[in-house]
């Protein structure tokens, strides 16, 4: 990943970079996506407060709907939730800092992918489910320079 003159290691989706993103394919969209806002775990990643982005704390009831037929597809939801969803308060720290990218947000297209985030990477930068992920140190370094409308561009 490049940020200005910085070259930062990152993890991408297990399905590689895809031009035709589909729900569950593990692909990272080939796209230029604005960073809209973010979520953070205040108990684990205090650096998330040093940004111009709107950052909301992650509570136990925060989820993200990933069920294409649900009216809240690709939106935050309160859990427990009746349809398929992802729990945002994770044990593995991936979402300790989690930025929402504008992939399939407005307009939303059923089945075109949900929860495409910019978040923290697993040790060893193993593939994501379609997101872009960086180390906690890189995220802390980038956050002060990010604002609403900053564009994350995925290229081949």
N, C-alpha and C. Protein backbone atom coordinates (compact mmCIF):
# COMPACT_ATOMS: atom_id res chain seq x y z
N UNK A 1 0.85 -1.16 0.00
CA UNK A 1 0.00 0.00 0.00
C UNK A 1 0.90 1.23 0.00
N UNK A 2 0.50 2.25 -0.76
CA UNK A 2 1.24 3.51 -0.76
C UNK A 2 0.38 4.60 -0.13
N UNK A 3 1.01 5.39 0.72
CA UNK A 3 0.37 6.55 1.33
C UNK A 3 1.36 7.69 1.18
N UNK A 4 1.17 8.52 0.18
CA UNK A 4 2.17 9.53 -0.13
C UNK A 4 3.44 8.84 -0.56
N UNK A 5 4.54 9.13 0.12
CA UNK A 5 5.82 8.49 -0.18
C UNK A 5 6.03 7.20 0.61
N UNK A 6 5.15 6.91 1.56
CA UNK A 6 5.28 5.70 2.38
C UNK A 6 4.81 4.47 1.63
N UNK A 7 5.53 3.39 1.77
CA UNK A 7 5.09 2.08 1.28
C UNK A 7 4.83 1.24 2.52
N UNK A 8 3.59 0.78 2.66
CA UNK A 8 3.15 0.09 3.87
C UNK A 8 2.66 -1.30 3.51
N UNK A 9 3.18 -2.34 4.17
CA UNK A 9 2.66 -3.69 3.91
C UNK A 9 1.18 -3.76 4.28
N UNK A 10 0.41 -4.50 3.50
CA UNK A 10 -1.01 -4.66 3.80
C UNK A 10 -1.47 -6.06 3.38
N UNK A 11 -2.59 -6.45 3.94
CA UNK A 11 -3.25 -7.70 3.56
C UNK A 11 -4.49 -7.36 2.76
N UNK A 12 -4.77 -8.18 1.76
CA UNK A 12 -5.97 -8.04 0.94
C UNK A 12 -6.79 -9.32 1.04
N UNK A 13 -7.90 -9.37 0.35
CA UNK A 13 -8.81 -10.50 0.42
C UNK A 13 -8.23 -11.80 -0.10
N UNK A 14 -8.70 -12.91 0.47
CA UNK A 14 -8.24 -14.25 0.08
C UNK A 14 -8.57 -14.55 -1.38
N UNK A 15 -9.55 -13.84 -1.94
CA UNK A 15 -9.93 -14.03 -3.34
C UNK A 15 -9.19 -13.11 -4.29
N UNK A 16 -8.20 -12.37 -3.77
CA UNK A 16 -7.44 -11.45 -4.60
C UNK A 16 -8.20 -10.16 -4.88
N UNK A 17 -7.72 -9.41 -5.84
CA UNK A 17 -8.37 -8.17 -6.25
C UNK A 17 -9.35 -8.52 -7.36
N UNK A 18 -10.62 -8.12 -7.18
CA UNK A 18 -11.66 -8.51 -8.12
C UNK A 18 -12.38 -7.29 -8.70
N UNK A 19 -12.67 -7.35 -9.99
CA UNK A 19 -13.39 -6.26 -10.66
C UNK A 19 -14.90 -6.38 -10.47
N UNK A 20 -15.39 -7.60 -10.24
CA UNK A 20 -16.83 -7.83 -10.08
C UNK A 20 -17.08 -8.44 -8.71
N UNK A 21 -17.06 -7.63 -7.68
CA UNK A 21 -17.20 -8.08 -6.29
C UNK A 21 -18.57 -8.71 -6.05
N UNK A 22 -18.56 -9.88 -5.36
CA UNK A 22 -19.78 -10.58 -4.95
C UNK A 22 -19.68 -10.93 -3.47
N UNK A 23 -20.81 -10.96 -2.80
CA UNK A 23 -20.85 -11.32 -1.38
C UNK A 23 -20.24 -12.70 -1.18
N UNK A 24 -19.29 -12.80 -0.24
CA UNK A 24 -18.70 -14.08 0.12
C UNK A 24 -17.57 -14.56 -0.76
N UNK A 25 -17.18 -13.81 -1.81
CA UNK A 25 -16.11 -14.28 -2.70
C UNK A 25 -14.71 -14.06 -2.14
N UNK A 26 -14.59 -13.33 -1.03
CA UNK A 26 -13.28 -13.09 -0.43
C UNK A 26 -12.43 -12.10 -1.20
N UNK A 27 -12.99 -11.48 -2.21
CA UNK A 27 -12.23 -10.55 -3.03
C UNK A 27 -12.22 -9.13 -2.49
N UNK A 28 -11.11 -8.44 -2.74
CA UNK A 28 -11.02 -7.02 -2.44
C UNK A 28 -11.40 -6.27 -3.72
N UNK A 29 -12.36 -5.35 -3.63
CA UNK A 29 -12.81 -4.66 -4.85
C UNK A 29 -11.71 -3.84 -5.51
N UNK A 30 -11.62 -3.95 -6.82
CA UNK A 30 -10.75 -3.11 -7.64
C UNK A 30 -11.50 -1.79 -7.77
N UNK A 31 -11.15 -0.82 -6.92
CA UNK A 31 -11.95 0.40 -6.84
C UNK A 31 -11.21 1.50 -6.09
N UNK A 32 -11.69 2.71 -6.29
CA UNK A 32 -11.28 3.85 -5.47
C UNK A 32 -12.43 4.08 -4.50
N UNK A 33 -12.16 3.92 -3.20
CA UNK A 33 -13.21 4.00 -2.18
C UNK A 33 -12.89 5.10 -1.18
N UNK A 34 -13.87 5.97 -0.94
CA UNK A 34 -13.68 7.00 0.08
C UNK A 34 -13.77 6.37 1.46
N UNK A 35 -13.00 6.92 2.39
CA UNK A 35 -13.12 6.53 3.79
C UNK A 35 -14.22 7.41 4.38
N UNK A 36 -15.28 6.80 4.89
CA UNK A 36 -16.44 7.54 5.36
C UNK A 36 -16.37 7.90 6.83
N UNK A 37 -16.00 6.95 7.66
CA UNK A 37 -15.97 7.11 9.11
C UNK A 37 -15.30 5.88 9.68
N UNK A 38 -15.33 5.74 10.99
CA UNK A 38 -14.69 4.57 11.57
C UNK A 38 -15.25 4.18 12.92
N UNK A 39 -14.78 3.04 13.38
CA UNK A 39 -15.11 2.50 14.69
C UNK A 39 -13.81 2.13 15.38
N UNK A 40 -13.83 2.14 16.71
CA UNK A 40 -12.61 1.79 17.44
C UNK A 40 -12.94 1.20 18.80
N UNK A 41 -11.98 0.45 19.32
CA UNK A 41 -12.03 -0.07 20.68
C UNK A 41 -11.18 0.84 21.54
N UNK A 42 -11.79 1.70 22.31
CA UNK A 42 -11.07 2.63 23.17
C UNK A 42 -10.21 1.95 24.21
N UNK A 43 -10.59 0.74 24.60
CA UNK A 43 -9.82 0.01 25.59
C UNK A 43 -8.57 -0.63 24.99
N UNK A 44 -8.44 -0.62 23.65
CA UNK A 44 -7.31 -1.28 23.00
C UNK A 44 -6.54 -0.41 22.03
N UNK A 45 -7.18 0.62 21.46
CA UNK A 45 -6.52 1.39 20.41
C UNK A 45 -6.82 2.87 20.60
N UNK A 46 -6.16 3.47 21.56
CA UNK A 46 -6.39 4.88 21.87
C UNK A 46 -6.01 5.79 20.71
N UNK A 47 -5.08 5.35 19.86
CA UNK A 47 -4.64 6.16 18.72
C UNK A 47 -5.75 6.49 17.74
N UNK A 48 -6.88 5.78 17.82
CA UNK A 48 -7.98 6.02 16.89
C UNK A 48 -8.62 7.38 17.12
N UNK A 49 -8.36 8.00 18.24
CA UNK A 49 -8.93 9.32 18.51
C UNK A 49 -8.16 10.43 17.80
N UNK A 50 -6.96 10.13 17.32
CA UNK A 50 -6.13 11.15 16.66
C UNK A 50 -6.35 11.11 15.15
N UNK A 51 -7.51 11.58 14.74
CA UNK A 51 -7.85 11.60 13.32
C UNK A 51 -8.92 12.65 13.08
N UNK A 52 -9.09 13.03 11.83
CA UNK A 52 -10.17 13.96 11.46
C UNK A 52 -11.43 13.20 11.08
N UNK A 53 -11.37 11.88 11.09
CA UNK A 53 -12.54 11.06 10.78
C UNK A 53 -13.50 11.03 11.95
N UNK A 54 -14.78 10.85 11.65
CA UNK A 54 -15.75 10.59 12.71
C UNK A 54 -15.51 9.15 13.17
N UNK A 55 -15.14 8.98 14.43
CA UNK A 55 -14.86 7.65 14.98
C UNK A 55 -15.83 7.37 16.11
N UNK A 56 -16.50 6.23 16.03
CA UNK A 56 -17.46 5.83 17.06
C UNK A 56 -16.90 4.65 17.85
N UNK A 57 -17.15 4.63 19.15
CA UNK A 57 -16.68 3.48 19.93
C UNK A 57 -17.47 2.22 19.58
N UNK A 58 -16.78 1.09 19.63
CA UNK A 58 -17.42 -0.20 19.38
C UNK A 58 -17.93 -0.74 20.71
N UNK A 59 -19.23 -0.94 20.78
CA UNK A 59 -19.85 -1.53 21.96
C UNK A 59 -20.23 -2.97 21.69
N UNK A 60 -20.64 -3.67 22.73
CA UNK A 60 -20.99 -5.09 22.62
C UNK A 60 -22.16 -5.34 21.67
N UNK A 61 -23.03 -4.35 21.47
CA UNK A 61 -24.23 -4.54 20.65
C UNK A 61 -24.05 -4.13 19.20
N UNK A 62 -22.83 -3.77 18.79
CA UNK A 62 -22.63 -3.31 17.42
C UNK A 62 -22.35 -4.47 16.48
N UNK A 63 -23.14 -4.56 15.43
CA UNK A 63 -22.94 -5.56 14.39
C UNK A 63 -22.99 -4.91 13.03
N UNK A 64 -22.74 -5.70 11.98
CA UNK A 64 -22.80 -5.21 10.60
C UNK A 64 -23.51 -6.27 9.77
N UNK A 65 -24.64 -5.93 9.17
CA UNK A 65 -25.46 -6.91 8.44
C UNK A 65 -24.78 -7.32 7.13
N UNK A 66 -24.66 -8.63 6.92
CA UNK A 66 -24.06 -9.15 5.70
C UNK A 66 -25.00 -10.08 4.92
N UNK A 67 -26.30 -9.96 5.20
CA UNK A 67 -27.31 -10.79 4.54
C UNK A 67 -27.94 -9.98 3.39
N UNK A 68 -27.63 -10.35 2.13
CA UNK A 68 -28.08 -9.55 1.00
C UNK A 68 -29.58 -9.28 0.92
N UNK A 69 -30.42 -10.20 1.41
CA UNK A 69 -31.87 -10.01 1.31
C UNK A 69 -32.46 -9.19 2.45
N UNK A 70 -31.65 -8.79 3.41
CA UNK A 70 -32.16 -8.02 4.55
C UNK A 70 -32.19 -6.53 4.21
N UNK A 71 -33.16 -5.81 4.77
CA UNK A 71 -33.28 -4.37 4.50
C UNK A 71 -32.10 -3.57 5.04
N UNK A 72 -31.36 -4.13 6.00
CA UNK A 72 -30.20 -3.44 6.56
C UNK A 72 -28.87 -3.97 6.02
N UNK A 73 -28.94 -4.65 4.88
CA UNK A 73 -27.72 -5.18 4.25
C UNK A 73 -26.66 -4.09 4.13
N UNK A 74 -25.45 -4.45 4.54
CA UNK A 74 -24.27 -3.56 4.48
C UNK A 74 -24.47 -2.28 5.28
N UNK A 75 -25.10 -2.44 6.44
CA UNK A 75 -25.28 -1.33 7.38
C UNK A 75 -25.01 -1.83 8.79
N UNK A 76 -24.68 -0.89 9.69
CA UNK A 76 -24.54 -1.29 11.09
C UNK A 76 -25.90 -1.67 11.66
N UNK A 77 -25.89 -2.65 12.55
CA UNK A 77 -27.12 -3.11 13.21
C UNK A 77 -26.83 -3.35 14.69
N UNK A 78 -27.90 -3.38 15.47
CA UNK A 78 -27.78 -3.70 16.89
C UNK A 78 -27.97 -5.21 17.04
N UNK A 79 -27.02 -5.85 17.73
CA UNK A 79 -27.13 -7.30 17.92
C UNK A 79 -27.58 -7.60 19.36
N UNK A 80 -28.32 -8.71 19.54
CA UNK A 80 -28.59 -9.74 18.54
C UNK A 80 -29.48 -9.20 17.42
N UNK A 81 -29.25 -9.73 16.21
CA UNK A 81 -29.99 -9.30 15.03
C UNK A 81 -30.48 -10.54 14.29
N UNK A 82 -31.68 -10.46 13.75
CA UNK A 82 -32.34 -11.64 13.15
C UNK A 82 -31.64 -12.18 11.91
N UNK A 83 -31.04 -11.31 11.11
CA UNK A 83 -30.40 -11.74 9.85
C UNK A 83 -28.90 -11.92 10.07
N UNK A 84 -28.23 -12.48 9.08
CA UNK A 84 -26.78 -12.70 9.16
C UNK A 84 -26.05 -11.38 9.39
N UNK A 85 -25.07 -11.43 10.26
CA UNK A 85 -24.32 -10.23 10.60
C UNK A 85 -22.95 -10.60 11.13
N UNK A 86 -22.12 -9.61 11.18
CA UNK A 86 -20.77 -9.74 11.74
C UNK A 86 -20.75 -8.96 13.05
N UNK A 87 -20.12 -9.53 14.05
CA UNK A 87 -19.95 -8.86 15.35
C UNK A 87 -18.75 -7.94 15.25
N UNK A 88 -18.92 -6.66 15.58
CA UNK A 88 -17.82 -5.70 15.44
C UNK A 88 -16.86 -5.74 16.64
N UNK A 89 -17.35 -6.10 17.81
CA UNK A 89 -16.48 -6.20 18.99
C UNK A 89 -15.87 -7.59 18.98
N UNK A 90 -14.66 -7.68 18.43
CA UNK A 90 -14.01 -8.96 18.21
C UNK A 90 -12.94 -9.22 19.26
N UNK A 91 -12.67 -10.50 19.49
CA UNK A 91 -11.60 -10.88 20.40
C UNK A 91 -10.24 -10.78 19.75
N UNK A 92 -10.19 -10.91 18.41
CA UNK A 92 -8.90 -10.99 17.72
C UNK A 92 -8.25 -9.65 17.39
N UNK A 93 -8.83 -8.54 17.74
CA UNK A 93 -8.26 -7.20 17.60
C UNK A 93 -8.31 -6.62 16.19
N UNK A 94 -8.83 -7.34 15.22
CA UNK A 94 -8.84 -6.83 13.84
C UNK A 94 -9.59 -5.52 13.71
N UNK A 95 -10.66 -5.36 14.47
CA UNK A 95 -11.47 -4.15 14.37
C UNK A 95 -11.20 -3.16 15.51
N UNK A 96 -10.07 -3.29 16.18
CA UNK A 96 -9.73 -2.30 17.21
C UNK A 96 -9.70 -0.90 16.61
N UNK A 97 -9.33 -0.80 15.35
CA UNK A 97 -9.50 0.41 14.54
C UNK A 97 -10.03 -0.08 13.20
N UNK A 98 -11.22 0.35 12.83
CA UNK A 98 -11.91 -0.18 11.65
C UNK A 98 -12.57 0.98 10.92
N UNK A 99 -12.11 1.24 9.70
CA UNK A 99 -12.63 2.36 8.93
C UNK A 99 -13.59 1.85 7.85
N UNK A 100 -14.70 2.53 7.72
CA UNK A 100 -15.74 2.15 6.77
C UNK A 100 -15.41 2.76 5.41
N UNK A 101 -15.29 1.91 4.40
CA UNK A 101 -15.06 2.36 3.02
C UNK A 101 -16.41 2.44 2.31
N UNK A 102 -16.50 3.30 1.30
CA UNK A 102 -17.81 3.50 0.66
C UNK A 102 -18.14 2.45 -0.40
N UNK A 103 -17.66 1.24 -0.23
CA UNK A 103 -18.00 0.17 -1.15
C UNK A 103 -19.44 -0.29 -0.91
N UNK A 104 -20.29 -0.17 -1.91
CA UNK A 104 -21.67 -0.67 -1.88
C UNK A 104 -22.49 -0.06 -0.74
N UNK A 105 -22.21 1.18 -0.41
CA UNK A 105 -22.94 1.86 0.66
C UNK A 105 -24.15 2.61 0.08
N UNK A 106 -23.92 3.46 -0.90
CA UNK A 106 -25.00 4.23 -1.50
C UNK A 106 -24.70 4.46 -2.98
N UNK A 107 -25.45 3.84 -3.86
CA UNK A 107 -26.56 2.93 -3.56
C UNK A 107 -26.05 1.54 -3.18
N UNK A 108 -26.84 0.83 -2.39
CA UNK A 108 -26.50 -0.56 -2.05
C UNK A 108 -27.08 -1.48 -3.11
N UNK A 109 -26.27 -2.43 -3.53
CA UNK A 109 -26.72 -3.43 -4.50
C UNK A 109 -26.64 -4.79 -3.82
N UNK A 110 -27.75 -5.47 -3.74
CA UNK A 110 -27.83 -6.77 -3.06
C UNK A 110 -26.78 -7.73 -3.62
N UNK A 111 -26.02 -8.33 -2.72
CA UNK A 111 -25.05 -9.34 -3.11
C UNK A 111 -23.75 -8.83 -3.69
N UNK A 112 -23.53 -7.51 -3.68
CA UNK A 112 -22.31 -6.95 -4.27
C UNK A 112 -21.20 -6.73 -3.25
N UNK A 113 -21.38 -7.25 -2.05
CA UNK A 113 -20.33 -7.18 -1.04
C UNK A 113 -20.69 -6.25 0.10
N UNK A 114 -20.36 -6.69 1.30
CA UNK A 114 -20.64 -5.90 2.50
C UNK A 114 -19.43 -5.91 3.41
N UNK A 115 -19.42 -4.96 4.32
CA UNK A 115 -18.37 -4.87 5.34
C UNK A 115 -16.97 -4.82 4.72
N UNK A 116 -16.80 -4.00 3.69
CA UNK A 116 -15.47 -3.79 3.12
C UNK A 116 -14.84 -2.66 3.91
N UNK A 117 -13.95 -3.04 4.81
CA UNK A 117 -13.34 -2.11 5.76
C UNK A 117 -11.84 -1.97 5.53
N UNK A 118 -11.27 -0.96 6.15
CA UNK A 118 -9.83 -0.77 6.26
C UNK A 118 -9.55 -0.97 7.74
N UNK A 119 -8.90 -2.07 8.11
CA UNK A 119 -8.77 -2.42 9.53
C UNK A 119 -7.37 -2.96 9.83
N UNK A 120 -7.21 -3.50 11.02
CA UNK A 120 -5.91 -4.02 11.45
C UNK A 120 -5.69 -5.43 10.91
N UNK A 121 -4.45 -5.72 10.57
CA UNK A 121 -4.09 -7.01 9.98
C UNK A 121 -3.81 -8.06 11.05
N UNK A 122 -4.00 -9.30 10.65
CA UNK A 122 -3.59 -10.43 11.50
C UNK A 122 -2.06 -10.51 11.47
N UNK A 123 -1.47 -11.14 12.49
CA UNK A 123 -0.03 -11.37 12.43
C UNK A 123 0.31 -12.15 11.15
N UNK A 124 1.36 -11.75 10.48
CA UNK A 124 1.76 -12.41 9.25
C UNK A 124 1.01 -11.92 8.02
N UNK A 125 0.11 -10.98 8.20
CA UNK A 125 -0.66 -10.40 7.09
C UNK A 125 -1.40 -11.47 6.28
N UNK A 126 -2.00 -12.43 6.98
CA UNK A 126 -2.80 -13.43 6.28
C UNK A 126 -4.00 -12.74 5.62
N UNK A 127 -4.55 -13.34 4.56
CA UNK A 127 -5.62 -12.67 3.81
C UNK A 127 -6.87 -12.36 4.65
N UNK A 128 -7.57 -11.34 4.20
CA UNK A 128 -8.83 -10.91 4.81
C UNK A 128 -9.99 -11.56 4.06
N UNK A 129 -11.20 -11.19 4.43
CA UNK A 129 -12.39 -11.66 3.70
C UNK A 129 -12.76 -10.71 2.56
N UNK A 130 -11.89 -9.74 2.29
CA UNK A 130 -12.14 -8.78 1.21
C UNK A 130 -11.73 -7.36 1.59
N UNK A 131 -11.36 -7.19 2.83
CA UNK A 131 -10.95 -5.87 3.33
C UNK A 131 -9.48 -5.59 3.02
N UNK A 132 -9.06 -4.37 3.35
CA UNK A 132 -7.65 -3.97 3.31
C UNK A 132 -7.22 -3.84 4.76
N UNK A 133 -6.08 -4.44 5.13
CA UNK A 133 -5.65 -4.44 6.52
C UNK A 133 -4.17 -4.11 6.64
N UNK A 134 -3.83 -3.33 7.66
CA UNK A 134 -2.45 -2.93 7.93
C UNK A 134 -2.12 -3.20 9.39
N UNK A 135 -0.85 -3.09 9.73
CA UNK A 135 -0.42 -3.31 11.11
C UNK A 135 -0.98 -2.21 12.02
N UNK A 136 -1.09 -2.48 13.32
CA UNK A 136 -1.53 -1.44 14.25
C UNK A 136 -0.63 -0.20 14.19
N UNK A 137 0.66 -0.42 14.06
CA UNK A 137 1.59 0.71 13.99
C UNK A 137 1.33 1.57 12.74
N UNK A 138 1.11 0.92 11.60
CA UNK A 138 0.83 1.66 10.37
C UNK A 138 -0.49 2.42 10.49
N UNK A 139 -1.51 1.78 11.07
CA UNK A 139 -2.80 2.45 11.23
C UNK A 139 -2.64 3.69 12.11
N UNK A 140 -1.91 3.55 13.22
CA UNK A 140 -1.69 4.70 14.11
C UNK A 140 -0.95 5.82 13.39
N UNK A 141 -0.05 5.45 12.51
CA UNK A 141 0.70 6.44 11.74
C UNK A 141 -0.18 7.13 10.69
N UNK A 142 -1.09 6.40 10.09
CA UNK A 142 -1.95 6.94 9.04
C UNK A 142 -3.12 7.77 9.56
N UNK A 143 -3.73 7.35 10.67
CA UNK A 143 -4.96 7.98 11.14
C UNK A 143 -4.92 9.51 11.23
N UNK A 144 -3.86 10.12 11.76
CA UNK A 144 -3.87 11.59 11.85
C UNK A 144 -3.95 12.29 10.49
N UNK A 145 -3.66 11.58 9.43
CA UNK A 145 -3.65 12.17 8.09
C UNK A 145 -4.93 11.89 7.31
N UNK A 146 -5.84 11.11 7.89
CA UNK A 146 -7.05 10.71 7.18
C UNK A 146 -8.23 11.57 7.59
N UNK A 147 -9.08 11.87 6.63
CA UNK A 147 -10.30 12.61 6.90
C UNK A 147 -11.42 12.04 6.04
N UNK A 148 -12.64 12.48 6.32
CA UNK A 148 -13.78 12.04 5.51
C UNK A 148 -13.49 12.41 4.06
N UNK A 149 -13.60 11.46 3.19
CA UNK A 149 -13.33 11.72 1.78
C UNK A 149 -11.95 11.30 1.33
N UNK A 150 -11.05 10.96 2.28
CA UNK A 150 -9.76 10.40 1.87
C UNK A 150 -10.06 9.15 1.04
N UNK A 151 -9.36 8.99 -0.06
CA UNK A 151 -9.64 7.86 -0.97
C UNK A 151 -8.59 6.77 -0.80
N UNK A 152 -9.07 5.54 -0.65
CA UNK A 152 -8.23 4.35 -0.64
C UNK A 152 -8.45 3.70 -2.01
N UNK A 153 -7.40 3.61 -2.79
CA UNK A 153 -7.51 3.08 -4.15
C UNK A 153 -6.84 1.72 -4.23
N UNK A 154 -7.60 0.71 -4.62
CA UNK A 154 -7.07 -0.64 -4.80
C UNK A 154 -6.80 -0.82 -6.29
N UNK A 155 -5.54 -1.11 -6.61
CA UNK A 155 -5.12 -1.28 -8.01
C UNK A 155 -4.41 -2.61 -8.16
N UNK A 156 -4.26 -3.05 -9.39
CA UNK A 156 -3.51 -4.29 -9.65
C UNK A 156 -2.08 -3.94 -9.95
